[in-house]
Amino acid sequence: MKKGEIILHPIITEKSTEIQESGRYCFKVNKRANKKEVMKAVKDIFGVDPVSCNIMNIKGKRKRERYKIGYTSSWKKAIVKIKKGEKIEIFEGV
């Protein structure tokens, strides 16, 4: 996989902005990506040194619209911890 295919986009929520103070950043990643690939992509794209990576699979939620029942799509989330003193610029303006 290419670097641009591994990290899809950053996740910006209240909880993710709170954990940024401790040097952790959240990303939505490709379902087939593993920890090593995510850490290498973060290093290459943003120019920071990742220390650790936690990955979790998020199941799709059940949604109902009138008489039809369906599910939202499942996805994968990665929380990457970077070295102390480094920052990722795309999160700073939020």
Protein backbone atom coordinates (compact mmCIF):
# COMPACT_ATOMS: atom_id res chain seq x y z
CA MET A 1 0.00 0.00 0.00
CA LYS A 2 1.08 3.58 -0.65
CA LYS A 3 1.44 6.14 2.13
CA GLY A 4 -1.63 8.06 0.98
CA GLU A 5 -3.74 4.90 0.99
CA ILE A 6 -2.90 3.97 4.59
CA ILE A 7 -3.97 7.16 6.41
CA LEU A 8 -7.36 8.27 5.08
CA HIS A 9 -7.98 11.38 7.21
CA PRO A 10 -7.54 12.73 10.76
CA ILE A 11 -10.31 12.33 13.33
CA ILE A 12 -11.23 15.62 15.01
CA THR A 13 -13.56 15.21 17.97
CA GLU A 14 -13.64 16.52 21.53
CA LYS A 15 -11.93 13.46 22.89
CA SER A 16 -9.23 13.44 20.21
CA THR A 17 -8.40 17.11 20.85
CA GLU A 18 -8.07 16.40 24.58
CA ILE A 19 -5.55 13.59 24.07
CA GLN A 20 -3.45 15.76 21.73
CA GLU A 21 -2.03 17.45 24.83
CA SER A 22 -0.30 14.17 25.70
CA GLY A 23 1.10 13.80 22.16
CA ARG A 24 -1.49 11.36 20.76
CA TYR A 25 -3.23 11.85 17.42
CA CYS A 26 -6.21 9.97 15.93
CA PHE A 27 -6.53 8.89 12.29
CA LYS A 28 -8.98 6.91 10.23
CA VAL A 29 -6.88 4.28 8.46
CA ASN A 30 -7.29 1.61 5.80
CA LYS A 31 -8.89 -1.61 7.05
CA ARG A 32 -5.93 -3.68 5.83
CA ALA A 33 -3.22 -1.50 7.47
CA ASN A 34 -1.26 -2.74 10.49
CA LYS A 35 0.62 -0.88 13.24
CA LYS A 36 4.00 -0.86 11.50
CA GLU A 37 2.55 0.49 8.26
CA VAL A 38 0.63 3.23 10.09
CA MET A 39 3.72 4.32 12.05
CA LYS A 40 5.85 4.41 8.89
CA ALA A 41 3.20 6.44 7.04
CA VAL A 42 2.96 8.98 9.89
CA LYS A 43 6.74 9.34 9.90
CA ASP A 44 6.94 9.82 6.11
CA ILE A 45 3.92 12.13 5.70
CA PHE A 46 4.21 14.40 8.76
CA GLY A 47 7.94 14.16 9.53
CA VAL A 48 7.55 13.18 13.19
CA ASP A 49 8.86 10.15 15.08
CA PRO A 50 6.03 7.92 16.35
CA VAL A 51 6.65 6.04 19.59
CA SER A 52 3.63 3.72 19.64
CA CYS A 53 0.40 2.98 17.83
CA ASN A 54 -2.90 1.57 19.03
CA ILE A 55 -5.37 0.29 16.46
CA MET A 56 -9.03 -0.56 16.93
CA ASN A 57 -11.77 -1.83 14.63
CA ILE A 58 -15.01 0.15 14.89
CA LYS A 59 -18.11 -1.88 14.00
CA GLY A 60 -20.88 -0.34 11.93
CA LYS A 61 -23.90 0.86 13.85
CA ARG A 62 -27.43 -0.27 13.13
CA LYS A 63 -29.51 2.48 11.54
CA ARG A 64 -33.18 2.52 10.65
CA GLU A 65 -34.97 4.66 8.12
CA ARG A 66 -38.70 4.16 8.21
CA TYR A 67 -39.19 0.47 7.38
CA LYS A 68 -35.67 -0.32 6.21
CA ILE A 69 -32.94 -1.45 8.58
CA GLY A 70 -29.31 -1.12 7.58
CA TYR A 71 -25.83 -0.59 8.98
CA THR A 72 -23.21 2.11 8.69
CA SER A 73 -19.87 0.91 7.36
CA SER A 74 -17.20 -0.51 9.67
CA TRP A 75 -13.83 1.25 9.84
CA LYS A 76 -10.45 1.21 11.56
CA LYS A 77 -9.05 3.87 13.90
CA ALA A 78 -5.41 4.40 14.87
CA ILE A 79 -4.13 6.43 17.82
CA VAL A 80 -0.47 7.33 17.28
CA LYS A 81 1.75 8.61 20.08
CA ILE A 82 4.67 10.79 18.97
CA LYS A 83 7.85 11.91 20.73
CA LYS A 84 7.56 14.62 23.37
CA GLY A 85 8.02 18.10 21.99
CA GLU A 86 6.92 17.27 18.43
CA LYS A 87 3.59 18.31 16.93
CA ILE A 88 1.60 17.60 13.78
CA GLU A 89 0.70 20.90 12.13
CA ILE A 90 -2.70 19.95 10.62
CA PHE A 91 -4.21 19.58 14.10
CA GLU A 92 -2.92 22.89 15.47
CA GLY A 93 -5.37 25.20 13.66
CA VAL A 94 -8.45 23.31 14.88
